[in-house]
Amino acid sequence: MDLMTAVVHPPIVNDSSGIVRVAGTRITLDTIVRAFKNGSTCEEIVYLYSVLRLADVYNIITHYLNNHDNVESYLSERQNKAIALQAEIEKHVDVSSIRERLLNRRKVQKSNQISG
C-alpha cells in the first residue's frame, strides 16, 4: 500500500477585522487555544462548540503546536488590544455607577418578590 502524505492546512481565516476564526464559523482561534491550554481535549472543545468538526480542531491544535511562537504573538497582540479597548470604554463610561444601578435594581426586585 502506498501512503501519500497530504499537507492539510488549518481551516482558519482572517475576518474583515483581522481576527482569526475557524472557517465558516464565528469561533475564534483564541477560543480554541484557550480551551486547549486550560486542559480541554479536542473532543471536549467540539462538545462545547458543536459547530466545529473534530478533525478541524485537531488540525488547528496541531497548527498551534507547530507555530507556537507566532500564534502566541498573535494572541498576545489580541489581548493587548482588548485591554486597550476596555480602558478606552471605561474612560467614557462610569462603570461604578452602572454597578450601583444594577445592585439597586436587584434589591428592588428582591423586595418585590418578598412583598408579592
C-alpha atoms as a PDB file:
ATOM      1  CA  MET A   1       0.000   0.000   0.000  1.00  0.00           C
ATOM      2  CA  ASP A   2       1.331   3.414  -0.978  1.00  0.00           C
ATOM      3  CA  LEU A   3       0.518   6.124   1.530  1.00  0.00           C
ATOM      4  CA  MET A   4       0.818   9.672   0.293  1.00  0.00           C
ATOM      5  CA  THR A   5       1.425  12.464   2.711  1.00  0.00           C
ATOM      6  CA  ALA A   6      -1.043  15.250   2.178  1.00  0.00           C
ATOM      7  CA  VAL A   7      -0.458  18.722   3.502  1.00  0.00           C
ATOM      8  CA  VAL A   8      -3.590  19.839   5.284  1.00  0.00           C
ATOM      9  CA  HIS A   9      -3.882  23.499   6.158  1.00  0.00           C
ATOM     10  CA  PRO A  10      -5.803  24.501   9.262  1.00  0.00           C
ATOM     11  CA  PRO A  11      -9.323  25.734   8.498  1.00  0.00           C
ATOM     12  CA  ILE A  12      -8.699  29.249   9.800  1.00  0.00           C
ATOM     13  CA  VAL A  13      -9.329  32.575   8.118  1.00  0.00           C
ATOM     14  CA  ASN A  14      -8.800  36.248   8.899  1.00  0.00           C
ATOM     15  CA  ASP A  15     -12.103  38.084   9.032  1.00  0.00           C
ATOM     16  CA  SER A  16     -12.530  41.693   7.878  1.00  0.00           C
ATOM     17  CA  SER A  17     -11.359  42.915  11.315  1.00  0.00           C
ATOM     18  CA  GLY A  18      -8.183  40.836  11.213  1.00  0.00           C
ATOM     19  CA  ILE A  19      -9.486  38.317  13.743  1.00  0.00           C
ATOM     20  CA  VAL A  20      -8.548  34.695  13.067  1.00  0.00           C
ATOM     21  CA  ARG A  21     -11.624  32.457  13.104  1.00  0.00           C
ATOM     22  CA  VAL A  22     -12.417  28.870  12.234  1.00  0.00           C
ATOM     23  CA  ALA A  23     -13.580  28.967   8.616  1.00  0.00           C
ATOM     24  CA  GLY A  24     -17.342  29.067   8.297  1.00  0.00           C
ATOM     25  CA  THR A  25     -17.905  29.854  11.981  1.00  0.00           C
ATOM     26  CA  ARG A  26     -17.712  32.730  14.435  1.00  0.00           C
ATOM     27  CA  ILE A  27     -15.391  30.728  16.712  1.00  0.00           C
ATOM     28  CA  THR A  28     -12.038  32.468  17.162  1.00  0.00           C
ATOM     29  CA  LEU A  29      -8.618  30.883  17.250  1.00  0.00           C
ATOM     30  CA  ASP A  30      -8.292  32.454  20.705  1.00  0.00           C
ATOM     31  CA  THR A  31     -11.259  30.419  21.939  1.00  0.00           C
ATOM     32  CA  ILE A  32      -9.873  27.097  20.772  1.00  0.00           C
ATOM     33  CA  VAL A  33      -6.334  27.725  22.002  1.00  0.00           C
ATOM     34  CA  ARG A  34      -7.589  28.999  25.385  1.00  0.00           C
ATOM     35  CA  ALA A  35      -9.718  25.864  25.853  1.00  0.00           C
ATOM     36  CA  PHE A  36      -6.783  23.651  24.883  1.00  0.00           C
ATOM     37  CA  LYS A  37      -4.402  25.483  27.246  1.00  0.00           C
ATOM     38  CA  ASN A  38      -6.979  25.105  30.026  1.00  0.00           C
ATOM     39  CA  GLY A  39      -6.843  21.337  29.599  1.00  0.00           C
ATOM     40  CA  SER A  40      -9.753  20.624  27.256  1.00  0.00           C
ATOM     41  CA  THR A  41      -9.312  17.806  24.778  1.00  0.00           C
ATOM     42  CA  CYS A  42     -10.241  18.271  21.138  1.00  0.00           C
ATOM     43  CA  GLU A  43     -13.345  16.179  21.783  1.00  0.00           C
ATOM     44  CA  GLU A  44     -14.364  18.437  24.672  1.00  0.00           C
ATOM     45  CA  ILE A  45     -13.857  21.530  22.524  1.00  0.00           C
ATOM     46  CA  VAL A  46     -16.145  20.082  19.847  1.00  0.00           C
ATOM     47  CA  TYR A  47     -18.686  19.245  22.549  1.00  0.00           C
ATOM     48  CA  LEU A  48     -18.596  22.862  23.772  1.00  0.00           C
ATOM     49  CA  TYR A  49     -18.758  24.313  20.249  1.00  0.00           C
ATOM     50  CA  SER A  50     -20.860  21.880  18.256  1.00  0.00           C
ATOM     51  CA  VAL A  51     -20.438  23.849  15.029  1.00  0.00           C
ATOM     52  CA  LEU A  52     -16.827  22.606  14.925  1.00  0.00           C
ATOM     53  CA  ARG A  53     -15.631  19.378  13.341  1.00  0.00           C
ATOM     54  CA  LEU A  54     -13.283  17.170  15.343  1.00  0.00           C
ATOM     55  CA  ALA A  55     -10.738  16.856  12.532  1.00  0.00           C
ATOM     56  CA  ASP A  56     -10.640  20.654  12.192  1.00  0.00           C
ATOM     57  CA  VAL A  57      -9.980  21.134  15.912  1.00  0.00           C
ATOM     58  CA  TYR A  58      -7.147  18.585  15.813  1.00  0.00           C
ATOM     59  CA  ASN A  59      -5.767  20.398  12.768  1.00  0.00           C
ATOM     60  CA  ILE A  60      -5.963  23.791  14.497  1.00  0.00           C
ATOM     61  CA  ILE A  61      -4.282  22.478  17.662  1.00  0.00           C
ATOM     62  CA  THR A  62      -1.554  20.911  15.511  1.00  0.00           C
ATOM     63  CA  HIS A  63      -1.096  24.281  13.803  1.00  0.00           C
ATOM     64  CA  TYR A  64      -0.867  25.966  17.216  1.00  0.00           C
ATOM     65  CA  LEU A  65       1.752  23.484  18.464  1.00  0.00           C
ATOM     66  CA  ASN A  66       3.808  23.706  15.256  1.00  0.00           C
ATOM     67  CA  ASN A  67       3.657  27.521  15.161  1.00  0.00           C
ATOM     68  CA  HIS A  68       3.609  28.213  18.890  1.00  0.00           C
ATOM     69  CA  ASP A  69       5.618  31.449  18.863  1.00  0.00           C
ATOM     70  CA  ASN A  70       3.661  33.034  16.004  1.00  0.00           C
ATOM     71  CA  VAL A  71       0.284  32.059  17.451  1.00  0.00           C
ATOM     72  CA  GLU A  72       1.264  33.228  20.943  1.00  0.00           C
ATOM     73  CA  SER A  73       2.421  36.542  19.472  1.00  0.00           C
ATOM     74  CA  TYR A  74      -0.960  36.938  17.730  1.00  0.00           C
ATOM     75  CA  LEU A  75      -2.832  36.034  20.939  1.00  0.00           C
ATOM     76  CA  SER A  76      -0.744  38.487  22.964  1.00  0.00           C
ATOM     77  CA  GLU A  77      -1.461  41.241  20.441  1.00  0.00           C
ATOM     78  CA  ARG A  78      -5.197  40.474  20.658  1.00  0.00           C
ATOM     79  CA  GLN A  79      -5.055  40.566  24.461  1.00  0.00           C
ATOM     80  CA  ASN A  80      -3.277  43.938  24.412  1.00  0.00           C
ATOM     81  CA  LYS A  81      -5.899  45.351  22.041  1.00  0.00           C
ATOM     82  CA  ALA A  82      -8.688  44.060  24.300  1.00  0.00           C
ATOM     83  CA  ILE A  83      -7.110  45.699  27.347  1.00  0.00           C
ATOM     84  CA  ALA A  84      -6.692  48.982  25.476  1.00  0.00           C
ATOM     85  CA  LEU A  85     -10.306  48.867  24.269  1.00  0.00           C
ATOM     86  CA  GLN A  86     -11.574  48.172  27.783  1.00  0.00           C
ATOM     87  CA  ALA A  87      -9.558  51.107  29.143  1.00  0.00           C
ATOM     88  CA  GLU A  88     -10.949  53.361  26.394  1.00  0.00           C
ATOM     89  CA  ILE A  89     -14.513  52.324  27.180  1.00  0.00           C
ATOM     90  CA  GLU A  90     -14.009  52.809  30.905  1.00  0.00           C
ATOM     91  CA  LYS A  91     -12.676  56.307  30.222  1.00  0.00           C
ATOM     92  CA  HIS A  92     -16.029  57.273  28.725  1.00  0.00           C
ATOM     93  CA  VAL A  93     -18.357  55.216  30.911  1.00  0.00           C
ATOM     94  CA  ASP A  94     -18.606  55.425  34.682  1.00  0.00           C
ATOM     95  CA  VAL A  95     -18.527  51.716  35.472  1.00  0.00           C
ATOM     96  CA  SER A  96     -19.073  52.237  39.204  1.00  0.00           C
ATOM     97  CA  SER A  97     -22.417  53.983  38.616  1.00  0.00           C
ATOM     98  CA  ILE A  98     -23.566  51.111  36.402  1.00  0.00           C
ATOM     99  CA  ARG A  99     -22.670  48.634  39.139  1.00  0.00           C
ATOM    100  CA  GLU A 100     -24.604  50.690  41.727  1.00  0.00           C
ATOM    101  CA  ARG A 101     -27.671  50.880  39.486  1.00  0.00           C
ATOM    102  CA  LEU A 102     -27.607  47.130  38.859  1.00  0.00           C
ATOM    103  CA  LEU A 103     -27.253  46.348  42.557  1.00  0.00           C
ATOM    104  CA  ASN A 104     -30.117  48.728  43.397  1.00  0.00           C
ATOM    105  CA  ARG A 105     -32.272  47.131  40.708  1.00  0.00           C
ATOM    106  CA  ARG A 106     -31.553  43.711  42.217  1.00  0.00           C
ATOM    107  CA  LYS A 107     -32.571  44.954  45.679  1.00  0.00           C
ATOM    108  CA  VAL A 108     -35.858  46.322  44.305  1.00  0.00           C
ATOM    109  CA  GLN A 109     -36.588  43.048  42.511  1.00  0.00           C
ATOM    110  CA  LYS A 110     -35.907  41.020  45.654  1.00  0.00           C
ATOM    111  CA  SER A 111     -38.098  43.271  47.792  1.00  0.00           C
ATOM    112  CA  ASN A 112     -40.905  42.998  45.206  1.00  0.00           C
ATOM    113  CA  GLN A 113     -40.609  39.209  45.303  1.00  0.00           C
ATOM    114  CA  ILE A 114     -40.769  39.144  49.074  1.00  0.00           C
ATOM    115  CA  SER A 115     -43.757  41.516  49.291  1.00  0.00           C
ATOM    116  CA  GLY A 116     -45.577  39.984  46.301  1.00  0.00           C
END
